[in-house]
Amino acid sequence: MIRVFGTGTGAPLAPDAVRALAGATLVAGARRHLDGAALPAGAGRVVLGPLAPALDRIGKHLAEDGARVVVLASGDPGFFGIVRALADRFGPAALDVRPGAPSIAVAFARLGLPWDDAVVVSAHGRDPRTAVNVCFAHPKVAVLTGPGAGPAELAAGLLYRSEERTLVVATALGDPEHERVERLTPREAAGRQWPDPVSVVLCLDESRALSPVRTVAGPAAGPAGWALDEAEFEHRDSMITKFEVRALALARLGPRTGDLVWDVGAGSGSVAVECARLGAAAVAVEKTTDGVGRIRANAAAHGVYVRAVHGAAPTVLSDLADPDAVFIGGGGRELPAIVTACARRARRAVVVAVAALDRVEQVRSALAAAGFEPEGVLLQSSRLAPLPGDVTRLAAANPVFLLWGVRSAAGASEGATQ
């Protein structure tokens, strides 16, 4: 049996943990946990760093007669902690887990805020872009930090995307001498040097930090429907991606939590808003000033955040972070250059809607040159419409070509560097 005890947020070790340590023959944990615990003189020590050699040492020790292994971990070791690795290697039945208070719970407690509606993302040992995108898209996020993915890196990623956010940096939680909980803007946090251990970073849209009472923990449930009717958006002269086209575009974009999606030539921003409703971070690029205003109004009306960028593609795209997926709904004569610029940087997919037959081959060539396998359809829909006399006719909508390319799994990791 491996005894796993959560610690590290201020509370002393429970009596059962003290007793387990007194009889342990091998104790594993971070250096700070081992240095702060009363270990028996003859017990072996395993400093947790790279997991594979530590697990090998534990496994070898368990084969010895009278082995009693204790693992010390921060907070709740079953929440983005070592329990996953231990259970995978030795089986859940071999573990006796006694959790402490998670650092996230302690951080929110310091602010007097509930956290049942928070999105939790781990940046420890991972590319921080996913955490940045989640912070960009959701109003209440907790980020478990790591080397190279701490407050400064998260703040730098948010700096030009969503300065409306407040960052709460919780340092050395539970340490009576060194604990600090600070509220900063992304600009302030990006300019600081942050010491270890930063326990957790909270990213808040303080205008939405208190959600209504809920019954399911985590981020808000996904929308009940998508491909909303055009009437759900403010738009000019029917210049909006029709819901039939939007439905297939969303299916090919595949927006999800942790993704960044561009909506280029956004118009009303209907695609960007729908991506944000599905959990993705969304940027809408629009060259007209009144269009930017409509995008912001539509995002607010649907309770999501969309960054509206005023400028003309492809020039303005150079200032944006690399996307996972891109929708292009406008472009005119610049369309081939826009598709080329987007396809070179998209990690997963590019979807393009065009009305002119002459543009189809241009788009296909641009996608193919960037390493995509271009596909597409001609969408011709007819909606039911009433006629006098309580009868119905079919009202044909203008045909639209929807073209797309999806990067292979091998190429997806290279998409942002091409």
Protein backbone atom coordinates (compact mmCIF):
# COMPACT_ATOMS: atom_id res chain seq x y z
CA MET A 1 0.00 0.00 0.00
CA ILE A 2 1.24 3.47 -0.91
CA ARG A 3 0.02 6.16 1.49
CA VAL A 4 -0.46 9.53 -0.26
CA PHE A 5 -0.99 12.66 1.84
CA GLY A 6 -1.88 16.13 0.61
CA THR A 7 -0.13 19.02 2.32
CA GLY A 8 1.39 22.39 1.54
CA THR A 9 -1.41 24.95 2.02
CA GLY A 10 -0.79 25.85 5.62
CA ALA A 11 -2.50 23.16 7.65
CA PRO A 12 -0.22 20.88 9.71
CA LEU A 13 -0.01 17.22 8.82
CA ALA A 14 -2.93 15.25 10.17
CA PRO A 15 -2.22 12.73 12.96
CA ASP A 16 -2.59 9.78 10.57
CA ALA A 17 0.02 11.33 8.26
CA VAL A 18 2.41 11.85 11.18
CA ARG A 19 1.99 8.22 12.23
CA ALA A 20 2.48 6.98 8.66
CA LEU A 21 5.67 9.00 8.31
CA ALA A 22 7.03 7.66 11.60
CA GLY A 23 6.80 4.09 10.26
CA ALA A 24 7.75 4.81 6.64
CA THR A 25 10.65 3.04 4.98
CA LEU A 26 10.55 5.28 1.87
CA VAL A 27 9.16 8.83 1.55
CA ALA A 28 8.67 10.58 -1.78
CA GLY A 29 7.78 14.22 -2.35
CA ALA A 30 8.98 17.61 -3.53
CA ARG A 31 12.12 18.79 -1.79
CA ARG A 32 10.20 21.37 0.25
CA HIS A 33 7.80 18.67 1.50
CA LEU A 34 10.63 16.36 2.51
CA ASP A 35 12.61 19.14 4.21
CA GLY A 36 9.55 20.20 6.22
CA ALA A 37 8.53 16.73 7.40
CA ALA A 38 9.84 14.73 10.35
CA LEU A 39 11.24 11.67 8.56
CA PRO A 40 12.53 8.60 10.37
CA ALA A 41 16.30 8.36 10.39
CA GLY A 42 16.44 5.16 8.35
CA ALA A 43 13.82 6.05 5.73
CA GLY A 44 14.84 6.48 2.11
CA ARG A 45 14.04 9.76 0.32
CA VAL A 46 12.83 10.25 -3.23
CA VAL A 47 12.77 13.85 -4.45
CA LEU A 48 10.03 14.12 -7.06
CA GLY A 49 11.23 15.67 -10.29
CA PRO A 50 11.19 13.48 -13.39
CA LEU A 51 8.47 10.93 -12.59
CA ALA A 52 9.81 7.82 -14.34
CA PRO A 53 12.89 7.28 -12.12
CA ALA A 54 10.89 8.14 -9.00
CA LEU A 55 8.21 5.57 -9.87
CA ASP A 56 10.91 3.00 -10.65
CA ARG A 57 12.45 3.56 -7.21
CA ILE A 58 9.05 3.21 -5.51
CA GLY A 59 8.28 0.05 -7.46
CA LYS A 60 11.61 -1.52 -6.58
CA HIS A 61 11.14 -0.65 -2.91
CA LEU A 62 7.63 -2.11 -2.79
CA ALA A 63 9.10 -5.48 -3.74
CA GLU A 64 11.08 -5.56 -0.50
CA ASP A 65 9.71 -7.15 2.67
CA GLY A 66 8.17 -4.68 5.13
CA ALA A 67 8.08 -1.80 2.64
CA ARG A 68 5.97 1.14 3.79
CA VAL A 69 5.87 3.94 1.21
CA VAL A 70 4.56 7.44 1.93
CA VAL A 71 4.14 10.13 -0.75
CA LEU A 72 3.74 13.79 0.20
CA ALA A 73 2.11 16.13 -2.33
CA SER A 74 0.62 19.60 -2.49
CA GLY A 75 -3.05 20.14 -1.75
CA ASP A 76 -5.24 17.46 -3.28
CA PRO A 77 -2.89 14.98 -5.02
CA GLY A 78 -5.82 13.60 -7.00
CA PHE A 79 -6.42 16.98 -8.70
CA PHE A 80 -3.80 17.41 -11.46
CA GLY A 81 -1.45 15.64 -9.07
CA ILE A 82 0.64 12.52 -8.63
CA VAL A 83 -2.28 10.17 -7.98
CA ARG A 84 -2.81 9.79 -11.73
CA ALA A 85 0.75 8.60 -12.30
CA LEU A 86 0.73 6.34 -9.23
CA ALA A 87 -2.61 4.77 -10.15
CA ASP A 88 -1.48 4.20 -13.73
CA ARG A 89 1.73 2.48 -12.58
CA PHE A 90 0.59 0.55 -9.48
CA GLY A 91 -3.22 0.47 -9.77
CA PRO A 92 -5.81 2.44 -7.76
CA ALA A 93 -6.21 -0.42 -5.25
CA ALA A 94 -2.59 0.07 -4.16
CA LEU A 95 -3.22 3.65 -3.04
CA ASP A 96 -4.53 5.13 0.20
CA VAL A 97 -5.06 8.82 -0.62
CA ARG A 98 -5.72 11.48 2.02
CA PRO A 99 -6.18 14.84 0.28
CA GLY A 100 -5.49 18.27 1.68
CA ALA A 101 -7.12 21.54 0.61
CA PRO A 102 -6.49 22.22 -3.11
CA SER A 103 -4.47 25.37 -3.74
CA ILE A 104 -7.25 26.60 -6.04
CA ALA A 105 -9.83 26.33 -3.26
CA VAL A 106 -7.51 28.22 -0.91
CA ALA A 107 -6.87 30.96 -3.48
CA PHE A 108 -10.57 31.54 -4.10
CA ALA A 109 -11.22 31.42 -0.36
CA ARG A 110 -8.74 34.27 0.11
CA LEU A 111 -10.89 36.33 -2.28
CA GLY A 112 -14.22 35.32 -0.75
CA LEU A 113 -15.36 33.87 -4.08
CA PRO A 114 -16.99 30.52 -4.90
CA TRP A 115 -15.14 28.39 -7.44
CA ASP A 116 -17.73 25.85 -8.53
CA ASP A 117 -18.05 27.80 -11.79
CA ALA A 118 -14.32 28.19 -12.47
CA VAL A 119 -12.51 26.63 -15.41
CA VAL A 120 -9.32 24.98 -14.14
CA VAL A 121 -6.37 24.53 -16.48
CA SER A 122 -2.91 23.18 -15.79
CA ALA A 123 0.05 24.91 -17.42
CA HIS A 124 2.59 22.84 -15.49
CA GLY A 125 4.88 21.21 -18.04
CA ARG A 126 2.62 22.31 -20.87
CA ASP A 127 2.51 24.99 -23.56
CA PRO A 128 0.95 28.04 -21.84
CA ARG A 129 -1.04 29.00 -24.96
CA THR A 130 -3.92 26.72 -23.96
CA ALA A 131 -4.15 28.39 -20.54
CA VAL A 132 -3.99 31.82 -22.18
CA ASN A 133 -6.82 30.94 -24.57
CA VAL A 134 -8.98 29.63 -21.71
CA CYS A 135 -8.32 32.84 -19.73
CA PHE A 136 -9.24 34.85 -22.82
CA ALA A 137 -12.52 33.02 -23.36
CA HIS A 138 -13.92 32.43 -19.86
CA PRO A 139 -14.76 34.85 -17.02
CA LYS A 140 -13.33 32.81 -14.12
CA VAL A 141 -10.23 30.68 -14.65
CA ALA A 142 -7.71 29.09 -12.29
CA VAL A 143 -4.30 28.26 -13.75
CA LEU A 144 -1.92 25.83 -12.07
CA THR A 145 1.45 27.29 -12.93
CA GLY A 146 4.82 25.78 -13.82
CA PRO A 147 8.28 26.78 -15.02
CA GLY A 148 7.91 28.88 -18.17
CA ALA A 149 4.17 29.15 -17.60
CA GLY A 150 3.87 31.46 -14.63
CA PRO A 151 2.17 34.83 -14.05
CA ALA A 152 4.46 36.77 -16.39
CA GLU A 153 3.97 34.38 -19.31
CA LEU A 154 0.19 34.22 -18.83
CA ALA A 155 0.00 38.00 -18.54
CA ALA A 156 2.09 38.50 -21.68
CA GLY A 157 -0.30 36.26 -23.61
CA LEU A 158 -3.29 38.27 -22.42
CA LEU A 159 -1.72 41.69 -22.75
CA TYR A 160 -2.99 42.55 -26.22
CA ARG A 161 -6.01 40.27 -26.19
CA SER A 162 -8.06 41.00 -23.09
CA GLU A 163 -6.74 43.70 -20.79
CA GLU A 164 -10.15 43.78 -19.12
CA ARG A 165 -9.09 40.75 -17.08
CA THR A 166 -7.77 40.89 -13.52
CA LEU A 167 -4.99 38.50 -12.53
CA VAL A 168 -4.80 37.29 -8.94
CA VAL A 169 -1.40 35.81 -8.18
CA ALA A 170 -1.27 33.55 -5.11
CA THR A 171 2.27 32.95 -3.89
CA ALA A 172 3.33 30.44 -1.22
CA LEU A 173 -0.24 29.74 -0.11
CA GLY A 174 -0.41 28.59 3.49
CA ASP A 175 3.05 29.84 4.42
CA PRO A 176 2.46 32.26 7.33
CA GLU A 177 5.61 34.22 6.51
CA HIS A 178 5.65 34.31 2.72
CA GLU A 179 2.04 33.99 1.49
CA ARG A 180 0.96 36.80 -0.81
CA VAL A 181 -2.25 37.27 -2.79
CA GLU A 182 -2.02 40.15 -5.26
CA ARG A 183 -4.49 41.61 -7.77
CA LEU A 184 -2.88 43.00 -10.91
CA THR A 185 -3.63 43.97 -14.48
CA PRO A 186 -2.02 41.83 -17.19
CA ARG A 187 0.35 44.73 -17.92
CA GLU A 188 1.48 44.90 -14.30
CA ALA A 189 1.96 41.14 -14.00
CA ALA A 190 3.89 40.88 -17.27
CA GLY A 191 6.52 43.31 -16.02
CA ARG A 192 7.32 41.50 -12.80
CA GLN A 193 9.83 38.84 -11.81
CA TRP A 194 7.95 36.11 -9.95
CA PRO A 195 9.64 33.87 -7.39
CA ASP A 196 8.75 30.25 -6.74
CA PRO A 197 6.50 28.92 -5.45
CA VAL A 198 3.61 30.63 -7.22
CA SER A 199 0.77 28.31 -6.26
CA VAL A 200 -1.96 29.40 -8.64
CA VAL A 201 -3.01 32.30 -10.85
CA LEU A 202 -6.66 33.30 -11.08
CA CYS A 203 -7.87 35.18 -14.15
CA LEU A 204 -11.14 37.03 -13.61
CA ASP A 205 -13.60 39.12 -15.55
CA GLU A 206 -14.73 40.82 -12.37
CA SER A 207 -18.01 41.97 -13.91
CA ARG A 208 -18.98 38.28 -14.21
CA ALA A 209 -17.12 36.79 -11.24
CA LEU A 210 -20.35 35.84 -9.45
CA SER A 211 -22.53 33.56 -11.54
CA PRO A 212 -26.08 32.49 -10.65
CA VAL A 213 -26.59 29.46 -8.39
CA ARG A 214 -25.79 26.31 -10.32
CA THR A 215 -26.05 22.55 -10.02
CA VAL A 216 -23.12 21.41 -12.21
CA ALA A 217 -19.55 22.43 -11.37
CA GLY A 218 -17.11 23.75 -13.96
CA PRO A 219 -17.64 26.11 -16.88
CA ALA A 220 -21.13 26.89 -18.05
CA ALA A 221 -22.76 24.12 -20.02
CA GLY A 222 -22.48 24.41 -23.78
CA PRO A 223 -25.25 26.14 -25.70
CA ALA A 224 -28.52 24.33 -26.27
CA GLY A 225 -28.18 25.07 -29.98
CA TRP A 226 -25.88 26.67 -32.51
CA ALA A 227 -26.07 27.90 -36.08
CA LEU A 228 -28.43 30.55 -34.73
CA ASP A 229 -30.92 32.33 -36.93
CA GLU A 230 -29.69 35.54 -38.54
CA ALA A 231 -32.27 37.43 -36.49
CA GLU A 232 -30.22 36.59 -33.37
CA PHE A 233 -27.50 38.97 -34.58
CA GLU A 234 -27.35 42.64 -35.42
CA HIS A 235 -26.21 42.93 -39.04
CA ARG A 236 -26.26 45.31 -42.02
CA ASP A 237 -28.25 44.64 -45.18
CA SER A 238 -28.31 40.86 -44.64
CA MET A 239 -24.49 40.82 -44.74
CA ILE A 240 -24.18 37.84 -42.44
CA THR A 241 -23.16 34.22 -42.83
CA LYS A 242 -26.45 32.34 -43.18
CA PHE A 243 -27.17 29.72 -40.55
CA GLU A 244 -26.99 26.80 -43.03
CA VAL A 245 -23.47 27.86 -44.01
CA ARG A 246 -22.53 28.64 -40.42
CA ALA A 247 -23.59 25.16 -39.28
CA LEU A 248 -21.19 23.40 -41.64
CA ALA A 249 -18.45 25.98 -41.00
CA LEU A 250 -18.65 25.32 -37.26
CA ALA A 251 -18.49 21.59 -37.85
CA ARG A 252 -15.27 22.00 -39.82
CA LEU A 253 -13.75 24.57 -37.41
CA GLY A 254 -14.44 22.38 -34.37
CA PRO A 255 -14.17 25.20 -31.77
CA ARG A 256 -13.58 24.03 -28.20
CA THR A 257 -12.24 25.20 -24.87
CA GLY A 258 -8.53 25.99 -25.16
CA ASP A 259 -8.69 26.87 -28.87
CA LEU A 260 -8.16 30.25 -30.50
CA VAL A 261 -10.32 30.94 -33.57
CA TRP A 262 -10.05 33.83 -36.01
CA ASP A 263 -13.12 35.15 -37.84
CA VAL A 264 -11.63 37.18 -40.70
CA GLY A 265 -13.84 39.60 -42.59
CA ALA A 266 -16.21 39.08 -39.70
CA GLY A 267 -19.01 41.50 -40.60
CA SER A 268 -21.49 40.91 -37.78
CA GLY A 269 -19.13 38.49 -36.02
CA SER A 270 -21.70 35.71 -36.05
CA VAL A 271 -19.09 32.95 -36.51
CA ALA A 272 -16.83 34.40 -33.80
CA VAL A 273 -19.74 34.67 -31.37
CA GLU A 274 -20.81 31.08 -32.04
CA CYS A 275 -17.23 29.86 -31.50
CA ALA A 276 -17.10 31.74 -28.20
CA ARG A 277 -20.43 30.21 -27.16
CA LEU A 278 -18.84 26.79 -27.75
CA GLY A 279 -15.94 27.65 -25.41
CA ALA A 280 -13.19 28.86 -27.73
CA ALA A 281 -11.29 32.14 -27.55
CA ALA A 282 -12.42 34.17 -30.54
CA VAL A 283 -10.95 37.10 -32.47
CA ALA A 284 -13.07 38.88 -35.07
CA VAL A 285 -11.19 40.92 -37.68
CA GLU A 286 -13.24 43.61 -39.40
CA LYS A 287 -12.13 46.57 -41.54
CA THR A 288 -15.15 48.83 -40.94
CA THR A 289 -15.65 50.85 -37.78
CA ASP A 290 -19.41 50.24 -37.64
CA GLY A 291 -18.77 46.51 -38.13
CA VAL A 292 -16.49 46.43 -35.10
CA GLY A 293 -19.27 48.03 -33.07
CA ARG A 294 -21.77 45.41 -34.23
CA ILE A 295 -19.38 42.58 -33.34
CA ARG A 296 -19.01 43.89 -29.80
CA ALA A 297 -22.76 44.37 -29.46
CA ASN A 298 -23.48 40.84 -30.70
CA ALA A 299 -20.91 39.33 -28.31
CA ALA A 300 -22.41 41.22 -25.37
CA ALA A 301 -25.93 40.17 -26.37
CA HIS A 302 -24.90 36.51 -26.23
CA GLY A 303 -22.92 36.83 -22.98
CA VAL A 304 -19.51 35.99 -24.46
CA TYR A 305 -16.23 37.81 -25.00
CA VAL A 306 -14.94 38.33 -28.54
CA ARG A 307 -11.92 40.47 -29.24
CA ALA A 308 -12.87 42.75 -32.13
CA VAL A 309 -9.85 43.88 -34.16
CA HIS A 310 -10.27 46.89 -36.45
CA GLY A 311 -8.13 46.55 -39.55
CA ALA A 312 -7.72 45.02 -42.98
CA ALA A 313 -6.43 41.51 -43.55
CA PRO A 314 -3.88 40.20 -44.24
CA THR A 315 -1.83 43.11 -42.80
CA VAL A 316 -3.50 43.20 -39.40
CA LEU A 317 -3.12 39.44 -38.89
CA SER A 318 0.59 39.74 -38.11
CA ASP A 319 -0.29 41.22 -34.70
CA LEU A 320 -2.42 38.24 -33.66
CA ALA A 321 -1.43 35.04 -31.86
CA ASP A 322 -1.42 31.89 -34.00
CA PRO A 323 -4.91 30.37 -34.29
CA ASP A 324 -6.09 26.79 -34.06
CA ALA A 325 -8.74 27.41 -36.71
CA VAL A 326 -9.73 30.25 -39.03
CA PHE A 327 -12.98 31.21 -40.73
CA ILE A 328 -12.71 33.61 -43.68
CA GLY A 329 -15.95 35.22 -44.75
CA GLY A 330 -14.69 38.15 -46.77
CA GLY A 331 -11.65 39.38 -48.59
CA GLY A 332 -12.45 40.54 -52.12
CA ARG A 333 -9.36 40.86 -54.30
CA GLU A 334 -7.14 40.19 -51.30
CA LEU A 335 -8.74 36.79 -50.66
CA PRO A 336 -5.86 34.63 -52.00
CA ALA A 337 -3.34 36.53 -49.87
CA ILE A 338 -5.61 36.30 -46.82
CA VAL A 339 -6.10 32.54 -47.24
CA THR A 340 -2.35 32.06 -47.68
CA ALA A 341 -1.55 34.08 -44.55
CA CYS A 342 -4.15 32.24 -42.47
CA ALA A 343 -3.28 28.78 -43.79
CA ARG A 344 0.41 29.23 -42.98
CA ARG A 345 -0.40 29.93 -39.33
CA ALA A 346 -3.47 27.82 -38.58
CA ARG A 347 -2.72 24.79 -36.44
CA ARG A 348 -5.73 22.72 -37.42
CA ALA A 349 -8.24 24.08 -39.94
CA VAL A 350 -9.12 26.89 -42.33
CA VAL A 351 -12.68 27.34 -43.60
CA VAL A 352 -13.57 29.82 -46.34
CA ALA A 353 -16.99 30.97 -47.58
CA VAL A 354 -17.14 32.49 -51.09
CA ALA A 355 -19.97 33.40 -53.41
CA ALA A 356 -18.00 33.82 -56.66
CA LEU A 357 -17.09 30.77 -58.69
CA ASP A 358 -13.90 32.51 -59.84
CA ARG A 359 -12.59 32.52 -56.26
CA VAL A 360 -12.91 28.77 -55.71
CA GLU A 361 -9.73 27.72 -57.51
CA GLN A 362 -7.79 30.58 -55.89
CA VAL A 363 -8.78 29.38 -52.44
CA ARG A 364 -8.07 25.73 -53.23
CA SER A 365 -4.61 26.60 -54.56
CA ALA A 366 -3.77 28.70 -51.50
CA LEU A 367 -4.85 25.90 -49.15
CA ALA A 368 -2.92 23.25 -51.07
CA ALA A 369 0.24 25.41 -51.13
CA ALA A 370 0.10 25.60 -47.31
CA GLY A 371 -0.05 21.83 -46.93
CA PHE A 372 -3.80 21.32 -46.62
CA GLU A 373 -5.91 18.85 -48.60
CA PRO A 374 -8.61 21.23 -49.91
CA GLU A 375 -12.22 20.10 -49.82
CA GLY A 376 -15.50 21.87 -50.34
CA VAL A 377 -19.17 21.92 -51.19
CA LEU A 378 -21.67 24.17 -52.92
CA LEU A 379 -24.46 24.92 -50.48
CA GLN A 380 -27.84 25.63 -52.09
CA SER A 381 -30.66 25.86 -49.57
CA SER A 382 -34.32 26.71 -49.88
CA ARG A 383 -36.22 27.74 -46.79
CA LEU A 384 -39.91 27.22 -46.17
CA ALA A 385 -41.78 30.50 -46.60
CA PRO A 386 -45.50 31.25 -46.23
CA LEU A 387 -47.78 32.22 -49.10
CA PRO A 388 -51.26 33.71 -48.94
CA GLY A 389 -53.96 31.10 -48.52
CA ASP A 390 -52.15 29.19 -45.76
CA VAL A 391 -49.76 27.49 -48.15
CA THR A 392 -45.97 27.27 -48.24
CA ARG A 393 -43.34 27.83 -50.90
CA LEU A 394 -39.59 27.27 -51.07
CA ALA A 395 -37.53 30.48 -50.98
CA ALA A 396 -34.08 29.87 -52.44
CA ALA A 397 -31.06 31.46 -50.79
CA ASN A 398 -28.03 32.52 -52.78
CA PRO A 399 -25.63 29.60 -53.34
CA VAL A 400 -22.37 29.69 -51.37
CA PHE A 401 -19.18 27.70 -51.80
CA LEU A 402 -17.76 26.48 -48.50
CA LEU A 403 -14.14 25.37 -48.84
CA TRP A 404 -11.88 24.02 -46.13
CA GLY A 405 -8.63 22.34 -45.31
CA VAL A 406 -7.84 20.31 -42.19
CA ARG A 407 -4.22 19.80 -41.26
CA SER A 408 -3.09 16.24 -40.56
CA ALA A 409 -2.26 15.35 -36.96
CA ALA A 410 1.46 15.28 -37.85
CA GLY A 411 1.28 18.67 -39.48
CA ALA A 412 -0.84 20.32 -36.83
CA SER A 413 2.11 20.76 -34.49
CA GLU A 414 4.05 22.43 -37.29
CA GLY A 415 1.26 24.72 -38.51
CA ALA A 416 2.25 27.72 -36.44
CA THR A 417 5.89 27.60 -37.55
CA GLN A 418 5.46 27.37 -41.31
